[in-house]
C-alpha atoms as a PDB file:
ATOM      1  CA  MET A   1       0.055  -0.303  -0.167  1.00  0.00           C
ATOM      2  CA  ASP A   2       1.497   3.437  -0.966  1.00  0.00           C
ATOM      3  CA  ALA A   3       1.779   6.192   1.687  1.00  0.00           C
ATOM      4  CA  ASN A   4      -1.107   8.307  -0.052  1.00  0.00           C
ATOM      5  CA  ALA A   5      -3.565   5.321   0.444  1.00  0.00           C
ATOM      6  CA  LYS A   6      -2.243   4.669   3.780  1.00  0.00           C
ATOM      7  CA  PHE A   7      -2.888   7.980   4.871  1.00  0.00           C
ATOM      8  CA  GLY A   8      -5.753   9.031   3.180  1.00  0.00           C
ATOM      9  CA  LEU A   9      -3.984  11.803   1.354  1.00  0.00           C
ATOM     10  CA  PRO A  10      -4.976  13.523  -2.020  1.00  0.00           C
ATOM     11  CA  GLY A  11      -3.351  11.721  -4.775  1.00  0.00           C
ATOM     12  CA  SER A  12      -1.404  14.967  -5.872  1.00  0.00           C
ATOM     13  CA  TRP A  13       0.242  15.260  -2.421  1.00  0.00           C
ATOM     14  CA  LYS A  14       4.032  14.358  -2.486  1.00  0.00           C
ATOM     15  CA  VAL A  15       5.228  11.776   0.087  1.00  0.00           C
ATOM     16  CA  ILE A  16       8.829  12.359   1.190  1.00  0.00           C
ATOM     17  CA  LYS A  17      10.971   9.283   1.663  1.00  0.00           C
ATOM     18  CA  SER A  18      14.375  10.473   0.759  1.00  0.00           C
ATOM     19  CA  GLU A  19      16.755  13.859   0.495  1.00  0.00           C
ATOM     20  CA  ASP A  20      15.952  14.148  -3.435  1.00  0.00           C
ATOM     21  CA  HIS A  21      12.176  14.449  -2.357  1.00  0.00           C
ATOM     22  CA  LEU A  22      13.380  17.316   0.043  1.00  0.00           C
ATOM     23  CA  GLU A  23      15.312  18.749  -2.603  1.00  0.00           C
ATOM     24  CA  GLN A  24      12.454  18.641  -5.423  1.00  0.00           C
ATOM     25  CA  ALA A  25      10.155  20.036  -2.673  1.00  0.00           C
ATOM     26  CA  TRP A  26      12.827  23.034  -2.137  1.00  0.00           C
ATOM     27  CA  LYS A  27      13.319  23.445  -6.277  1.00  0.00           C
ATOM     28  CA  ILE A  28       9.293  23.558  -7.031  1.00  0.00           C
ATOM     29  CA  SER A  29       9.170  26.274  -4.112  1.00  0.00           C
ATOM     30  CA  SER A  30      10.327  28.631  -6.804  1.00  0.00           C
ATOM     31  CA  ASP A  31       7.328  28.169  -8.957  1.00  0.00           C
ATOM     32  CA  CYS A  32       4.654  27.682  -6.099  1.00  0.00           C
ATOM     33  CA  PRO A  33       4.255  27.749  -2.700  1.00  0.00           C
ATOM     34  CA  VAL A  34       5.043  24.397  -0.719  1.00  0.00           C
ATOM     35  CA  PHE A  35       3.691  23.407   2.518  1.00  0.00           C
ATOM     36  CA  LEU A  36       5.758  20.591   4.233  1.00  0.00           C
ATOM     37  CA  PHE A  37       3.477  18.451   6.836  1.00  0.00           C
ATOM     38  CA  LYS A  38       5.385  16.672   9.306  1.00  0.00           C
ATOM     39  CA  HIS A  39       3.251  14.278  10.517  1.00  0.00           C
ATOM     40  CA  SER A  40       3.591  11.543  14.072  1.00  0.00           C
ATOM     41  CA  THR A  41       1.887   8.578  13.490  1.00  0.00           C
ATOM     42  CA  ARG A  42       1.830   8.156  17.198  1.00  0.00           C
ATOM     43  CA  CYS A  43       0.137  11.379  17.999  1.00  0.00           C
ATOM     44  CA  GLY A  44      -3.720  12.047  18.283  1.00  0.00           C
ATOM     45  CA  ILE A  45      -3.090  15.641  17.764  1.00  0.00           C
ATOM     46  CA  SER A  46      -1.151  14.991  14.489  1.00  0.00           C
ATOM     47  CA  HIS A  47      -3.978  12.818  13.478  1.00  0.00           C
ATOM     48  CA  HIS A  48      -6.296  15.492  13.742  1.00  0.00           C
ATOM     49  CA  ALA A  49      -4.209  18.024  12.304  1.00  0.00           C
ATOM     50  CA  LEU A  50      -3.744  15.584   9.180  1.00  0.00           C
ATOM     51  CA  HIS A  51      -7.476  15.379   8.686  1.00  0.00           C
ATOM     52  CA  GLU A  52      -8.083  19.392   8.928  1.00  0.00           C
ATOM     53  CA  LEU A  53      -5.474  20.011   6.399  1.00  0.00           C
ATOM     54  CA  VAL A  54      -6.639  17.173   4.164  1.00  0.00           C
ATOM     55  CA  HIS A  55      -9.928  18.332   4.641  1.00  0.00           C
ATOM     56  CA  TRP A  56      -9.015  22.156   3.691  1.00  0.00           C
ATOM     57  CA  TYR A  57      -6.696  21.120   0.669  1.00  0.00           C
ATOM     58  CA  SER A  58      -9.948  18.792  -0.652  1.00  0.00           C
ATOM     59  CA  ASN A  59     -12.416  21.801  -0.087  1.00  0.00           C
ATOM     60  CA  SER A  60     -11.137  23.774  -3.251  1.00  0.00           C
ATOM     61  CA  GLU A  61      -8.002  24.120  -5.429  1.00  0.00           C
ATOM     62  CA  LYS A  62      -5.357  25.660  -3.885  1.00  0.00           C
ATOM     63  CA  LYS A  63      -2.037  27.127  -5.613  1.00  0.00           C
ATOM     64  CA  VAL A  64       0.272  25.086  -3.407  1.00  0.00           C
ATOM     65  CA  MET A  65       1.983  21.724  -3.342  1.00  0.00           C
ATOM     66  CA  VAL A  66       1.833  19.680  -0.431  1.00  0.00           C
ATOM     67  CA  TYR A  67       4.391  17.385   0.731  1.00  0.00           C
ATOM     68  CA  PHE A  68       4.061  14.958   3.286  1.00  0.00           C
ATOM     69  CA  LEU A  69       6.450  13.289   6.031  1.00  0.00           C
ATOM     70  CA  ASP A  70       5.708  10.309   8.120  1.00  0.00           C
ATOM     71  CA  LEU A  71       8.466  11.792  10.773  1.00  0.00           C
ATOM     72  CA  ILE A  72       8.789   8.305  12.844  1.00  0.00           C
ATOM     73  CA  THR A  73       9.521   6.454   9.812  1.00  0.00           C
ATOM     74  CA  TYR A  74      11.888   9.085   8.424  1.00  0.00           C
ATOM     75  CA  ARG A  75      12.980  11.385  11.400  1.00  0.00           C
ATOM     76  CA  PRO A  76      16.607  11.726   9.659  1.00  0.00           C
ATOM     77  CA  LEU A  77      14.646  13.729   7.094  1.00  0.00           C
ATOM     78  CA  SER A  78      12.551  15.592   9.505  1.00  0.00           C
ATOM     79  CA  ASN A  79      16.002  16.571  11.263  1.00  0.00           C
ATOM     80  CA  ALA A  80      16.835  17.754   7.531  1.00  0.00           C
ATOM     81  CA  ILE A  81      13.972  19.726   7.122  1.00  0.00           C
ATOM     82  CA  SER A  82      14.431  22.044  10.484  1.00  0.00           C
ATOM     83  CA  ASP A  83      18.290  22.286   9.649  1.00  0.00           C
ATOM     84  CA  ARG A  84      17.405  23.677   6.033  1.00  0.00           C
ATOM     85  CA  SER A  85      14.443  25.487   6.825  1.00  0.00           C
ATOM     86  CA  GLY A  86      15.407  26.989  10.045  1.00  0.00           C
ATOM     87  CA  VAL A  87      12.255  25.887  11.702  1.00  0.00           C
ATOM     88  CA  PRO A  88      13.001  24.150  14.993  1.00  0.00           C
ATOM     89  CA  HIS A  89      11.100  20.676  14.657  1.00  0.00           C
ATOM     90  CA  GLN A  90       7.634  20.476  16.229  1.00  0.00           C
ATOM     91  CA  SER A  91       5.044  17.565  15.774  1.00  0.00           C
ATOM     92  CA  PRO A  92       2.562  18.003  13.890  1.00  0.00           C
ATOM     93  CA  GLN A  93       4.182  21.034  11.984  1.00  0.00           C
ATOM     94  CA  LEU A  94       2.968  22.555   8.427  1.00  0.00           C
ATOM     95  CA  ILE A  95       5.780  24.452   6.863  1.00  0.00           C
ATOM     96  CA  CYS A  96       5.857  26.952   4.094  1.00  0.00           C
ATOM     97  CA  ILE A  97       8.379  27.047   1.571  1.00  0.00           C
ATOM     98  CA  VAL A  98       8.238  29.928  -0.947  1.00  0.00           C
ATOM     99  CA  ASN A  99      11.556  30.333  -3.355  1.00  0.00           C
ATOM    100  CA  GLY A 100      13.609  28.231  -0.876  1.00  0.00           C
ATOM    101  CA  GLU A 101      12.825  29.934   2.072  1.00  0.00           C
ATOM    102  CA  ALA A 102      10.643  28.794   5.271  1.00  0.00           C
ATOM    103  CA  VAL A 103       8.206  31.673   5.285  1.00  0.00           C
ATOM    104  CA  ASN A 104       5.769  30.740   7.687  1.00  0.00           C
ATOM    105  CA  ALA A 105       5.127  27.863   9.983  1.00  0.00           C
ATOM    106  CA  ILE A 106       2.241  26.658  12.653  1.00  0.00           C
ATOM    107  CA  SER A 107       1.881  23.539  14.764  1.00  0.00           C
ATOM    108  CA  HIS A 108       0.564  21.275  17.182  1.00  0.00           C
ATOM    109  CA  THR A 109      -3.667  22.051  17.475  1.00  0.00           C
ATOM    110  CA  SER A 110      -2.822  25.702  15.298  1.00  0.00           C
ATOM    111  CA  ILE A 111      -3.336  23.380  12.760  1.00  0.00           C
ATOM    112  CA  GLU A 112      -6.839  23.708  11.891  1.00  0.00           C
ATOM    113  CA  GLU A 113      -9.111  24.621   8.653  1.00  0.00           C
ATOM    114  CA  SER A 114      -9.591  28.327   9.901  1.00  0.00           C
ATOM    115  CA  GLN A 115      -6.025  28.580  10.755  1.00  0.00           C
ATOM    116  CA  ILE A 116      -4.587  26.841   7.655  1.00  0.00           C
ATOM    117  CA  ASN A 117      -6.752  29.492   5.594  1.00  0.00           C
ATOM    118  CA  ARG A 118      -5.027  32.499   7.277  1.00  0.00           C
ATOM    119  CA  PHE A 119      -1.759  30.591   7.088  1.00  0.00           C
ATOM    120  CA  TYR A 120      -2.299  30.265   3.077  1.00  0.00           C
ATOM    121  CA  ASN A 121      -3.543  33.771   2.632  1.00  0.00           C
ATOM    122  CA  LYS A 122      -0.486  35.191   4.351  1.00  0.00           C
ATOM    123  CA  VAL A 123       1.515  33.183   1.765  1.00  0.00           C
ATOM    124  CA  LEU A 124      -0.237  33.974  -1.752  1.00  0.00           C
ATOM    125  CA  PRO A 125       1.306  37.712  -1.581  1.00  0.00           C
ATOM    126  CA  LEU A 126       4.561  36.411  -1.012  1.00  0.00           C
ATOM    127  CA  THR A 127       4.213  34.281  -4.284  1.00  0.00           C
ATOM    128  CA  GLU A 128       3.187  37.162  -6.902  1.00  0.00           C
ATOM    129  CA  GLY A 129       5.353  36.934  -9.963  1.00  0.00           C
ATOM    130  CA  ASN A 130       6.086  33.489  -9.583  1.00  0.00           C
ATOM    131  CA  GLY A 131       5.331  30.418 -12.286  1.00  0.00           C
END
């Protein structure tokens, strides 16, 4: 079973399983905002945050690419995200990358639909002139 099916992710989401996937995310951020979602399979708050993010994403067309990380399975990649983005690790966590830089991050119970809308709306003006 692939990770999209296992976690109930939209088919367009990318699953991070390697450093190459992280590199792709950073490159794509030059064309459109990238959301990196760090998910802990051992945390009820993280499961709720994932549900909220999937619901938010599925409600309308978004100009964002979402990358999903199972941080229990791929903890070194979670650390690499923190190192590269400069955003201290938290779980669950949603980080937005635009033009190769972390421009916003929310975590824990802040990852709910209305907060994700605010988060997204703060990012859109930063992408004007991209792709």
